[in-house]
Each structure stands twice: as structure tokens, then as C-alpha cells.
Amino acid sequence: MAQIEYKDLLDAGVHFGHLTRKWDPRMAPYIFMEKNGIHIIDLNKTVAALDEASNAIRGIVRSGRKVLFVATKKQAQEIVSEEARRLKMPYVTERWQGGMLTNFATIRKSLKKMQSLDKMLKDEETVKGIAKRERLTRTRDKEKLERVLGGIADLTRLPAALFIVDVKREHIAVAEAHRLGIPVFAICDTNSNPDAVDFAIPANDDAYKSISLITLAIGKAIEEGLMERKQDKDDQRIQEEEEAKRSEDQTQARSKEEAQPEAEATTAAVAEDEQEA
């Protein structure tokens, strides 16, 4: 992972925490000082935590599993959805549907309903055959489902990890992940509980620039994991081809060895026949 410069963190306002009266004492190890009634986050801890989180999430992605991005606060929605789409990862940026993880079977049914509505509304013959009011109702149902579940439309099984912006706001997602043993990577501001997640990244979770910087850093780690997975697949394919070629050569060599005594016997028999003649 490319090392993030302290200047980039400062420019993005990553070090700005909440008002001191709104702090969570469990964030004390990550706070550098207090200034003008605001807690200042220790950027050394931010860099170390981000590096650890990036290494862990890269390993998860390298194994071929998905990371679910979760950010429903307004200033985080755009950057998180764009990065998730770029990486072809699932995301939730509108509203966390209760039971999205713990009741995944029901969520899958809603996804199938959304897909069937989409297929039906794209079929011109079917659309012509239904009343205008019914068509409007089904269109609204599809749009509602897409707004809430569109980001996880391709999620066929539970994600291997969650990346969350604002632990307090997404506490339901965190609780569901814990219940299922899914690791959580999260941006934790000074009013958050870092013990609630597996990989806490101390940073400002309100400023767009701060959210963008951390999200892009995590996205870079995921991208590296995807590239490493592709390389692993290529190496495995080459190895399998080499083994197949080696096996074929050995088979051909054995065939030649088995055929040689027969050829020698045939030659000897011909020679013997010529002598008798």
C-alpha cells in the first residue's frame, strides 16, 4: 500500500475530532490533544491503524471474498458508492435494512423480486398487457427496492467483511456483523466506540475530504488484493498447464519404451525368416 503523507491527512482534516463534551472515553488512546474545545486525533495512530486494516482487507479480498461498504450519511454516500462500484463490491448507502445480514435469506427474496420486476418491465409485450395503474405501482416498487437494495443486487452470499463510515450511525450493521462473526473495518471519530469494531481507523468521519481519503486508501488495498488474486489464478493456470504437459511427455515416453521391445522382436523375427529363406 502506498504510504499516505501526513500532509494529505492534515489537508483533509482527518485529525479533527468532535467537541470534547461529546467524546467517548474509549477513544482516549487515539487522541493527541485538546484544542479550542475540540479533540485532535493522533495521526500516527491513524496511519498505523490504516496500514493494519489495509493489509487485513487485502488478504480477505485475495481469498476471493467480498467486502460490503456501508455509509448512509449524506457526505459519505457518493464517494463510497463510486468506490464500491469501481471495485465491483457490494454497498449500502441509502438505508440499512434491518436483518440485511442476519436475515439474509429474506433479503435474497427481495432481490429476486426486484430482478423479476425489472425483467417484466423491460418486456414490452408484458407491459402492454397490464393496466396503467398496475404498471405504475410495479415501477414504484422496483425503484424503491433498487434504492435500498440496488448496491447488493449481485451479492449471492454473506460478505466476508464490512467497511463502515461512522460506527455510531451504523450500529445495527455492526451488531449484525458481530452476531455472525464478520470482521468490521470502520472509521472511528472521537465520539465512537473503537472496541465495537475489529479494525478501528481513528479519523474524522464527518468531513467529505477525510472520508474520501480513508475510503480511497481502503479501496486501493482492495484493488491490490484483486490484482494479487488474479496473479494467483494465472500462476495456478500456468502450473496446471506445465503439469499437464509434463504428464503428457511422460506418457509418450512410456509408450515409446513399451513399443521398442515389440519393434526389436519384430525385426528379429523378420531377420530369422530371411535366413531360413
C-alpha atoms as a PDB file:
ATOM      1  CA  MET A   1       0.000   0.000   0.000  1.00  0.00           C
ATOM      2  CA  ALA A   2       1.266   3.444  -0.908  1.00  0.00           C
ATOM      3  CA  GLN A   3       2.108   5.339   2.284  1.00  0.00           C
ATOM      4  CA  ILE A   4      -0.217   8.264   2.924  1.00  0.00           C
ATOM      5  CA  GLU A   5       1.616  11.508   3.665  1.00  0.00           C
ATOM      6  CA  TYR A   6       0.870  13.371   6.898  1.00  0.00           C
ATOM      7  CA  LYS A   7       0.290  16.485   4.810  1.00  0.00           C
ATOM      8  CA  ASP A   8      -2.544  14.707   2.987  1.00  0.00           C
ATOM      9  CA  LEU A   9      -4.125  13.763   6.322  1.00  0.00           C
ATOM     10  CA  LEU A  10      -3.806  17.317   7.633  1.00  0.00           C
ATOM     11  CA  ASP A  11      -5.190  18.858   4.437  1.00  0.00           C
ATOM     12  CA  ALA A  12      -8.175  16.509   4.578  1.00  0.00           C
ATOM     13  CA  GLY A  13      -8.877  17.408   8.226  1.00  0.00           C
ATOM     14  CA  VAL A  14      -8.553  13.784   9.329  1.00  0.00           C
ATOM     15  CA  HIS A  15      -7.220  14.943  12.727  1.00  0.00           C
ATOM     16  CA  PHE A  16     -10.295  16.975  13.703  1.00  0.00           C
ATOM     17  CA  GLY A  17     -12.472  15.151  16.232  1.00  0.00           C
ATOM     18  CA  HIS A  18     -15.715  16.145  17.933  1.00  0.00           C
ATOM     19  CA  LEU A  19     -16.276  18.587  20.794  1.00  0.00           C
ATOM     20  CA  THR A  20     -14.630  17.382  23.994  1.00  0.00           C
ATOM     21  CA  ARG A  21     -18.013  17.086  25.741  1.00  0.00           C
ATOM     22  CA  LYS A  22     -19.189  14.603  23.072  1.00  0.00           C
ATOM     23  CA  TRP A  23     -16.233  12.264  23.261  1.00  0.00           C
ATOM     24  CA  ASP A  24     -16.212   8.546  24.063  1.00  0.00           C
ATOM     25  CA  PRO A  25     -13.526   7.789  26.722  1.00  0.00           C
ATOM     26  CA  ARG A  26     -12.660   4.553  24.902  1.00  0.00           C
ATOM     27  CA  MET A  27     -11.149   6.715  22.131  1.00  0.00           C
ATOM     28  CA  ALA A  28      -8.602   8.176  24.590  1.00  0.00           C
ATOM     29  CA  PRO A  29      -5.644   6.125  23.225  1.00  0.00           C
ATOM     30  CA  TYR A  30      -6.195   7.685  19.782  1.00  0.00           C
ATOM     31  CA  ILE A  31      -6.472  11.329  20.941  1.00  0.00           C
ATOM     32  CA  PHE A  32      -3.370  13.513  20.723  1.00  0.00           C
ATOM     33  CA  MET A  33      -4.590  16.674  22.471  1.00  0.00           C
ATOM     34  CA  GLU A  34      -7.442  19.082  23.071  1.00  0.00           C
ATOM     35  CA  LYS A  35      -7.597  22.413  21.247  1.00  0.00           C
ATOM     36  CA  ASN A  36     -10.319  25.057  21.448  1.00  0.00           C
ATOM     37  CA  GLY A  37     -12.758  22.566  22.930  1.00  0.00           C
ATOM     38  CA  ILE A  38     -12.138  20.006  20.175  1.00  0.00           C
ATOM     39  CA  HIS A  39     -10.228  16.737  20.419  1.00  0.00           C
ATOM     40  CA  ILE A  40      -7.333  16.295  17.990  1.00  0.00           C
ATOM     41  CA  ILE A  41      -6.746  12.766  16.707  1.00  0.00           C
ATOM     42  CA  ASP A  42      -3.210  11.338  16.807  1.00  0.00           C
ATOM     43  CA  LEU A  43      -2.319  10.907  13.118  1.00  0.00           C
ATOM     44  CA  ASN A  44       0.455   8.452  13.975  1.00  0.00           C
ATOM     45  CA  LYS A  45      -2.243   6.117  15.296  1.00  0.00           C
ATOM     46  CA  THR A  46      -4.334   6.775  12.177  1.00  0.00           C
ATOM     47  CA  VAL A  47      -1.505   5.798   9.831  1.00  0.00           C
ATOM     48  CA  ALA A  48      -0.685   2.654  11.831  1.00  0.00           C
ATOM     49  CA  ALA A  49      -4.338   1.592  12.040  1.00  0.00           C
ATOM     50  CA  LEU A  50      -4.922   2.258   8.336  1.00  0.00           C
ATOM     51  CA  ASP A  51      -1.867   0.215   7.410  1.00  0.00           C
ATOM     52  CA  GLU A  52      -3.019  -2.713   9.572  1.00  0.00           C
ATOM     53  CA  ALA A  53      -6.564  -2.526   8.207  1.00  0.00           C
ATOM     54  CA  SER A  54      -5.322  -2.344   4.611  1.00  0.00           C
ATOM     55  CA  ASN A  55      -3.152  -5.442   4.997  1.00  0.00           C
ATOM     56  CA  ALA A  56      -6.022  -7.401   6.558  1.00  0.00           C
ATOM     57  CA  ILE A  57      -8.630  -6.372   3.993  1.00  0.00           C
ATOM     58  CA  ARG A  58      -6.227  -7.093   1.126  1.00  0.00           C
ATOM     59  CA  GLY A  59      -5.834 -10.653   2.422  1.00  0.00           C
ATOM     60  CA  ILE A  60      -9.629 -11.105   2.605  1.00  0.00           C
ATOM     61  CA  VAL A  61     -10.113  -9.922  -0.977  1.00  0.00           C
ATOM     62  CA  ARG A  62      -7.183 -12.020  -2.212  1.00  0.00           C
ATOM     63  CA  SER A  63      -9.028 -15.112  -0.984  1.00  0.00           C
ATOM     64  CA  GLY A  64     -11.880 -14.253  -3.373  1.00  0.00           C
ATOM     65  CA  ARG A  65     -14.434 -12.907  -0.917  1.00  0.00           C
ATOM     66  CA  LYS A  66     -16.491  -9.689  -0.904  1.00  0.00           C
ATOM     67  CA  VAL A  67     -16.298  -6.583   1.294  1.00  0.00           C
ATOM     68  CA  LEU A  68     -19.574  -4.737   1.938  1.00  0.00           C
ATOM     69  CA  PHE A  69     -19.274  -0.916   2.044  1.00  0.00           C
ATOM     70  CA  VAL A  70     -21.731   0.796   4.425  1.00  0.00           C
ATOM     71  CA  ALA A  71     -22.188   4.584   4.601  1.00  0.00           C
ATOM     72  CA  THR A  72     -25.646   6.130   4.850  1.00  0.00           C
ATOM     73  CA  LYS A  73     -24.625   9.623   5.945  1.00  0.00           C
ATOM     74  CA  LYS A  74     -25.033  12.200   3.187  1.00  0.00           C
ATOM     75  CA  GLN A  75     -21.404  13.350   2.902  1.00  0.00           C
ATOM     76  CA  ALA A  76     -20.180   9.752   2.519  1.00  0.00           C
ATOM     77  CA  GLN A  77     -22.760   8.307   0.110  1.00  0.00           C
ATOM     78  CA  GLU A  78     -21.246   9.482  -3.167  1.00  0.00           C
ATOM     79  CA  ILE A  79     -17.602   8.618  -2.563  1.00  0.00           C
ATOM     80  CA  VAL A  80     -18.413   5.214  -1.020  1.00  0.00           C
ATOM     81  CA  SER A  81     -20.850   4.161  -3.762  1.00  0.00           C
ATOM     82  CA  GLU A  82     -18.450   5.251  -6.515  1.00  0.00           C
ATOM     83  CA  GLU A  83     -15.507   3.388  -5.000  1.00  0.00           C
ATOM     84  CA  ALA A  84     -17.578   0.248  -4.361  1.00  0.00           C
ATOM     85  CA  ARG A  85     -18.880   0.244  -7.951  1.00  0.00           C
ATOM     86  CA  ARG A  86     -15.341   0.745  -9.290  1.00  0.00           C
ATOM     87  CA  LEU A  87     -14.159  -2.284  -7.334  1.00  0.00           C
ATOM     88  CA  LYS A  88     -17.340  -4.288  -8.119  1.00  0.00           C
ATOM     89  CA  MET A  89     -18.042  -4.619  -4.403  1.00  0.00           C
ATOM     90  CA  PRO A  90     -21.495  -4.511  -2.733  1.00  0.00           C
ATOM     91  CA  TYR A  91     -22.546  -1.337  -0.907  1.00  0.00           C
ATOM     92  CA  VAL A  92     -25.346   0.187   1.170  1.00  0.00           C
ATOM     93  CA  THR A  93     -25.639   3.981   1.062  1.00  0.00           C
ATOM     94  CA  GLU A  94     -29.378   4.666   1.410  1.00  0.00           C
ATOM     95  CA  ARG A  95     -30.689   2.861   4.466  1.00  0.00           C
ATOM     96  CA  TRP A  96     -29.552  -0.183   6.395  1.00  0.00           C
ATOM     97  CA  GLN A  97     -32.388  -2.681   6.148  1.00  0.00           C
ATOM     98  CA  GLY A  98     -32.751  -4.468   9.493  1.00  0.00           C
ATOM     99  CA  GLY A  99     -31.718  -8.099   9.092  1.00  0.00           C
ATOM    100  CA  MET A 100     -29.692  -7.431   5.954  1.00  0.00           C
ATOM    101  CA  LEU A 101     -27.078  -9.868   7.270  1.00  0.00           C
ATOM    102  CA  THR A 102     -28.834 -11.869   9.991  1.00  0.00           C
ATOM    103  CA  ASN A 103     -31.905 -12.477   7.820  1.00  0.00           C
ATOM    104  CA  PHE A 104     -30.092 -12.705   4.502  1.00  0.00           C
ATOM    105  CA  ALA A 105     -32.463 -15.355   3.102  1.00  0.00           C
ATOM    106  CA  THR A 106     -35.363 -12.871   3.209  1.00  0.00           C
ATOM    107  CA  ILE A 107     -33.204 -10.160   1.659  1.00  0.00           C
ATOM    108  CA  ARG A 108     -32.385 -12.567  -1.177  1.00  0.00           C
ATOM    109  CA  LYS A 109     -36.121 -12.988  -1.809  1.00  0.00           C
ATOM    110  CA  SER A 110     -36.482  -9.194  -2.079  1.00  0.00           C
ATOM    111  CA  LEU A 111     -33.562  -9.122  -4.526  1.00  0.00           C
ATOM    112  CA  LYS A 112     -35.219 -11.819  -6.658  1.00  0.00           C
ATOM    113  CA  LYS A 113     -38.458  -9.819  -6.617  1.00  0.00           C
ATOM    114  CA  MET A 114     -36.557  -6.718  -7.746  1.00  0.00           C
ATOM    115  CA  GLN A 115     -34.930  -8.648 -10.588  1.00  0.00           C
ATOM    116  CA  SER A 116     -38.235 -10.168 -11.719  1.00  0.00           C
ATOM    117  CA  LEU A 117     -39.923  -6.734 -11.704  1.00  0.00           C
ATOM    118  CA  ASP A 118     -37.054  -5.326 -13.737  1.00  0.00           C
ATOM    119  CA  LYS A 119     -37.290  -8.173 -16.243  1.00  0.00           C
ATOM    120  CA  MET A 120     -41.064  -7.799 -16.504  1.00  0.00           C
ATOM    121  CA  LEU A 121     -40.963  -4.010 -17.043  1.00  0.00           C
ATOM    122  CA  LYS A 122     -38.358  -4.420 -19.781  1.00  0.00           C
ATOM    123  CA  ASP A 123     -40.622  -6.831 -21.677  1.00  0.00           C
ATOM    124  CA  GLU A 124     -42.725  -4.623 -23.958  1.00  0.00           C
ATOM    125  CA  GLU A 125     -45.377  -7.291 -24.590  1.00  0.00           C
ATOM    126  CA  THR A 126     -45.957  -7.804 -20.854  1.00  0.00           C
ATOM    127  CA  VAL A 127     -46.047  -4.065 -20.156  1.00  0.00           C
ATOM    128  CA  LYS A 128     -48.705  -3.541 -22.851  1.00  0.00           C
ATOM    129  CA  GLY A 129     -50.857  -6.234 -21.289  1.00  0.00           C
ATOM    130  CA  ILE A 130     -51.170  -4.673 -17.820  1.00  0.00           C
ATOM    131  CA  ALA A 131     -53.193  -1.659 -16.692  1.00  0.00           C
ATOM    132  CA  LYS A 132     -51.518   1.737 -16.416  1.00  0.00           C
ATOM    133  CA  ARG A 133     -52.124   1.950 -12.649  1.00  0.00           C
ATOM    134  CA  GLU A 134     -50.649  -1.511 -12.064  1.00  0.00           C
ATOM    135  CA  ARG A 135     -47.641  -0.668 -14.232  1.00  0.00           C
ATOM    136  CA  LEU A 136     -47.056   2.497 -12.229  1.00  0.00           C
ATOM    137  CA  THR A 137     -47.312   0.572  -8.934  1.00  0.00           C
ATOM    138  CA  ARG A 138     -44.825  -2.054 -10.058  1.00  0.00           C
ATOM    139  CA  THR A 139     -42.432   0.614 -11.339  1.00  0.00           C
ATOM    140  CA  ARG A 140     -42.529   2.335  -7.957  1.00  0.00           C
ATOM    141  CA  ASP A 141     -41.953  -0.976  -6.164  1.00  0.00           C
ATOM    142  CA  LYS A 142     -38.925  -1.666  -8.346  1.00  0.00           C
ATOM    143  CA  GLU A 143     -37.483   1.824  -7.787  1.00  0.00           C
ATOM    144  CA  LYS A 144     -37.964   1.513  -4.024  1.00  0.00           C
ATOM    145  CA  LEU A 145     -36.217  -1.868  -3.945  1.00  0.00           C
ATOM    146  CA  GLU A 146     -33.389  -0.589  -6.142  1.00  0.00           C
ATOM    147  CA  ARG A 147     -32.871   2.430  -3.917  1.00  0.00           C
ATOM    148  CA  VAL A 148     -32.477   0.277  -0.801  1.00  0.00           C
ATOM    149  CA  LEU A 149     -31.017  -2.953  -2.224  1.00  0.00           C
ATOM    150  CA  GLY A 150     -29.529  -1.946  -5.573  1.00  0.00           C
ATOM    151  CA  GLY A 151     -25.987  -1.911  -4.194  1.00  0.00           C
ATOM    152  CA  ILE A 152     -26.182  -5.557  -3.096  1.00  0.00           C
ATOM    153  CA  ALA A 153     -28.012  -6.892  -6.167  1.00  0.00           C
ATOM    154  CA  ASP A 154     -25.067  -9.170  -7.066  1.00  0.00           C
ATOM    155  CA  LEU A 155     -24.427 -10.381  -3.504  1.00  0.00           C
ATOM    156  CA  THR A 156     -25.193 -14.106  -3.558  1.00  0.00           C
ATOM    157  CA  ARG A 157     -23.792 -14.911  -0.112  1.00  0.00           C
ATOM    158  CA  LEU A 158     -22.831 -13.083   3.080  1.00  0.00           C
ATOM    159  CA  PRO A 159     -19.851 -10.709   2.738  1.00  0.00           C
ATOM    160  CA  ALA A 160     -16.536 -11.633   4.356  1.00  0.00           C
ATOM    161  CA  ALA A 161     -16.083  -8.166   5.908  1.00  0.00           C
ATOM    162  CA  LEU A 162     -17.728  -4.747   6.330  1.00  0.00           C
ATOM    163  CA  PHE A 163     -16.150  -1.325   5.775  1.00  0.00           C
ATOM    164  CA  ILE A 164     -18.180   1.272   7.687  1.00  0.00           C
ATOM    165  CA  VAL A 165     -18.169   5.060   7.855  1.00  0.00           C
ATOM    166  CA  ASP A 166     -19.486   6.262  11.249  1.00  0.00           C
ATOM    167  CA  VAL A 167     -19.818   3.422  13.750  1.00  0.00           C
ATOM    168  CA  LYS A 168     -22.494   5.194  15.832  1.00  0.00           C
ATOM    169  CA  ARG A 169     -24.797   5.770  12.873  1.00  0.00           C
ATOM    170  CA  GLU A 170     -24.383   2.210  11.542  1.00  0.00           C
ATOM    171  CA  HIS A 171     -24.635   0.469  14.932  1.00  0.00           C
ATOM    172  CA  ILE A 172     -27.247  -2.009  13.621  1.00  0.00           C
ATOM    173  CA  ALA A 173     -24.895  -3.147  10.826  1.00  0.00           C
ATOM    174  CA  VAL A 174     -22.073  -3.516  13.371  1.00  0.00           C
ATOM    175  CA  ALA A 175     -24.285  -5.566  15.703  1.00  0.00           C
ATOM    176  CA  GLU A 176     -25.399  -7.888  12.892  1.00  0.00           C
ATOM    177  CA  ALA A 177     -21.803  -8.392  11.727  1.00  0.00           C
ATOM    178  CA  HIS A 178     -20.698  -9.269  15.274  1.00  0.00           C
ATOM    179  CA  ARG A 179     -23.538 -11.734  15.633  1.00  0.00           C
ATOM    180  CA  LEU A 180     -22.352 -13.568  12.507  1.00  0.00           C
ATOM    181  CA  GLY A 181     -18.626 -13.254  13.240  1.00  0.00           C
ATOM    182  CA  ILE A 182     -17.982 -10.965  10.265  1.00  0.00           C
ATOM    183  CA  PRO A 183     -14.989  -8.628  10.815  1.00  0.00           C
ATOM    184  CA  VAL A 184     -15.717  -4.888  10.725  1.00  0.00           C
ATOM    185  CA  PHE A 185     -13.350  -2.209   9.399  1.00  0.00           C
ATOM    186  CA  ALA A 186     -14.528   1.277  10.366  1.00  0.00           C
ATOM    187  CA  ILE A 187     -13.668   4.951  10.520  1.00  0.00           C
ATOM    188  CA  CYS A 188     -13.977   5.882  14.210  1.00  0.00           C
ATOM    189  CA  ASP A 189     -14.317   9.514  15.284  1.00  0.00           C
ATOM    190  CA  THR A 190     -13.731  10.695  18.868  1.00  0.00           C
ATOM    191  CA  ASN A 191     -17.406  10.099  19.738  1.00  0.00           C
ATOM    192  CA  SER A 192     -17.254   6.430  18.655  1.00  0.00           C
ATOM    193  CA  ASN A 193     -16.511   3.188  20.471  1.00  0.00           C
ATOM    194  CA  PRO A 194     -13.441   1.625  18.787  1.00  0.00           C
ATOM    195  CA  ASP A 195     -13.960  -1.587  20.779  1.00  0.00           C
ATOM    196  CA  ALA A 196     -17.156  -2.223  18.829  1.00  0.00           C
ATOM    197  CA  VAL A 197     -15.192  -2.986  15.640  1.00  0.00           C
ATOM    198  CA  ASP A 198     -12.325  -5.285  14.720  1.00  0.00           C
ATOM    199  CA  PHE A 199     -10.227  -2.700  12.851  1.00  0.00           C
ATOM    200  CA  ALA A 200     -10.781   0.872  14.072  1.00  0.00           C
ATOM    201  CA  ILE A 201      -9.297   3.657  11.931  1.00  0.00           C
ATOM    202  CA  PRO A 202      -9.252   6.850  14.052  1.00  0.00           C
ATOM    203  CA  ALA A 203     -10.285   9.706  11.765  1.00  0.00           C
ATOM    204  CA  ASN A 204     -12.818  12.455  11.169  1.00  0.00           C
ATOM    205  CA  ASP A 205     -15.979  10.744   9.922  1.00  0.00           C
ATOM    206  CA  ASP A 206     -17.884  13.954   9.131  1.00  0.00           C
ATOM    207  CA  ALA A 207     -15.665  15.815   6.632  1.00  0.00           C
ATOM    208  CA  TYR A 208     -16.016  14.754   2.986  1.00  0.00           C
ATOM    209  CA  LYS A 209     -12.262  15.022   2.338  1.00  0.00           C
ATOM    210  CA  SER A 210     -11.408  12.876   5.344  1.00  0.00           C
ATOM    211  CA  ILE A 211     -13.952  10.189   4.412  1.00  0.00           C
ATOM    212  CA  SER A 212     -12.724  10.275   0.813  1.00  0.00           C
ATOM    213  CA  LEU A 213      -9.053   9.881   1.766  1.00  0.00           C
ATOM    214  CA  ILE A 214      -9.640   6.907   4.067  1.00  0.00           C
ATOM    215  CA  THR A 215     -12.134   5.237   1.702  1.00  0.00           C
ATOM    216  CA  LEU A 216      -9.779   5.565  -1.271  1.00  0.00           C
ATOM    217  CA  ALA A 217      -6.924   4.106   0.809  1.00  0.00           C
ATOM    218  CA  ILE A 218      -9.068   1.086   1.697  1.00  0.00           C
ATOM    219  CA  GLY A 219     -10.159   0.889  -1.952  1.00  0.00           C
ATOM    220  CA  LYS A 220      -6.508   0.819  -3.031  1.00  0.00           C
ATOM    221  CA  ALA A 221      -5.842  -2.097  -0.668  1.00  0.00           C
ATOM    222  CA  ILE A 222      -8.864  -3.968  -2.080  1.00  0.00           C
ATOM    223  CA  GLU A 223      -7.645  -3.279  -5.616  1.00  0.00           C
ATOM    224  CA  GLU A 224      -4.230  -4.723  -4.727  1.00  0.00           C
ATOM    225  CA  GLY A 225      -5.953  -7.786  -3.272  1.00  0.00           C
ATOM    226  CA  LEU A 226      -7.916  -8.262  -6.513  1.00  0.00           C
ATOM    227  CA  MET A 227      -4.720  -7.968  -8.576  1.00  0.00           C
ATOM    228  CA  GLU A 228      -2.918 -10.476  -6.342  1.00  0.00           C
ATOM    229  CA  ARG A 229      -5.858 -12.883  -6.703  1.00  0.00           C
ATOM    230  CA  LYS A 230      -5.710 -12.547 -10.485  1.00  0.00           C
ATOM    231  CA  GLN A 231      -1.951 -13.202 -10.377  1.00  0.00           C
ATOM    232  CA  ASP A 232      -2.511 -16.259  -8.160  1.00  0.00           C
ATOM    233  CA  LYS A 233      -5.053 -17.609 -10.663  1.00  0.00           C
ATOM    234  CA  ASP A 234      -2.669 -17.014 -13.582  1.00  0.00           C
ATOM    235  CA  ASP A 235       0.192 -18.739 -11.718  1.00  0.00           C
ATOM    236  CA  GLN A 236      -2.081 -21.685 -10.880  1.00  0.00           C
ATOM    237  CA  ARG A 237      -3.224 -21.970 -14.503  1.00  0.00           C
ATOM    238  CA  ILE A 238       0.383 -21.929 -15.778  1.00  0.00           C
ATOM    239  CA  GLN A 239       1.362 -24.542 -13.184  1.00  0.00           C
ATOM    240  CA  GLU A 240      -1.546 -26.788 -14.204  1.00  0.00           C
ATOM    241  CA  GLU A 241      -0.599 -26.441 -17.882  1.00  0.00           C
ATOM    242  CA  GLU A 242       3.040 -27.315 -17.105  1.00  0.00           C
ATOM    243  CA  GLU A 243       1.956 -30.355 -15.052  1.00  0.00           C
ATOM    244  CA  ALA A 244      -0.366 -31.484 -17.860  1.00  0.00           C
ATOM    245  CA  LYS A 245       2.463 -31.093 -20.413  1.00  0.00           C
ATOM    246  CA  ARG A 246       4.871 -32.981 -18.148  1.00  0.00           C
ATOM    247  CA  SER A 247       2.338 -35.777 -17.663  1.00  0.00           C
ATOM    248  CA  GLU A 248       1.767 -35.977 -21.427  1.00  0.00           C
ATOM    249  CA  ASP A 249       5.534 -36.172 -22.100  1.00  0.00           C
ATOM    250  CA  GLN A 250       5.910 -38.939 -19.515  1.00  0.00           C
ATOM    251  CA  THR A 251       3.019 -40.880 -21.075  1.00  0.00           C
ATOM    252  CA  GLN A 252       4.560 -40.559 -24.540  1.00  0.00           C
ATOM    253  CA  ALA A 253       7.959 -41.649 -23.178  1.00  0.00           C
ATOM    254  CA  ARG A 254       6.434 -44.750 -21.554  1.00  0.00           C
ATOM    255  CA  SER A 255       4.601 -45.579 -24.788  1.00  0.00           C
ATOM    256  CA  LYS A 256       7.895 -45.427 -26.710  1.00  0.00           C
ATOM    257  CA  GLU A 257       9.634 -47.621 -24.138  1.00  0.00           C
ATOM    258  CA  GLU A 258       6.828 -50.186 -24.325  1.00  0.00           C
ATOM    259  CA  ALA A 259       6.792 -50.107 -28.136  1.00  0.00           C
ATOM    260  CA  GLN A 260      10.593 -50.532 -28.522  1.00  0.00           C
ATOM    261  CA  PRO A 261      10.850 -54.223 -27.358  1.00  0.00           C
ATOM    262  CA  GLU A 262       7.966 -55.140 -29.680  1.00  0.00           C
ATOM    263  CA  ALA A 263       9.731 -53.417 -32.583  1.00  0.00           C
ATOM    264  CA  GLU A 264      13.001 -55.240 -31.785  1.00  0.00           C
ATOM    265  CA  ALA A 265      11.179 -58.586 -31.607  1.00  0.00           C
ATOM    266  CA  THR A 266       9.514 -57.935 -34.957  1.00  0.00           C
ATOM    267  CA  THR A 267      12.861 -57.019 -36.536  1.00  0.00           C
ATOM    268  CA  ALA A 268      14.486 -60.184 -35.150  1.00  0.00           C
ATOM    269  CA  ALA A 269      11.664 -62.334 -36.487  1.00  0.00           C
ATOM    270  CA  VAL A 270      11.965 -60.809 -39.975  1.00  0.00           C
ATOM    271  CA  ALA A 271      15.720 -61.392 -39.967  1.00  0.00           C
ATOM    272  CA  GLU A 272      15.244 -65.020 -38.913  1.00  0.00           C
ATOM    273  CA  ASP A 273      12.714 -65.586 -41.715  1.00  0.00           C
ATOM    274  CA  GLU A 274      15.162 -64.160 -44.270  1.00  0.00           C
ATOM    275  CA  GLN A 275      17.929 -66.525 -43.070  1.00  0.00           C
ATOM    276  CA  GLU A 276      15.659 -69.555 -43.364  1.00  0.00           C
ATOM    277  CA  ALA A 277      14.649 -68.472 -46.858  1.00  0.00           C
END
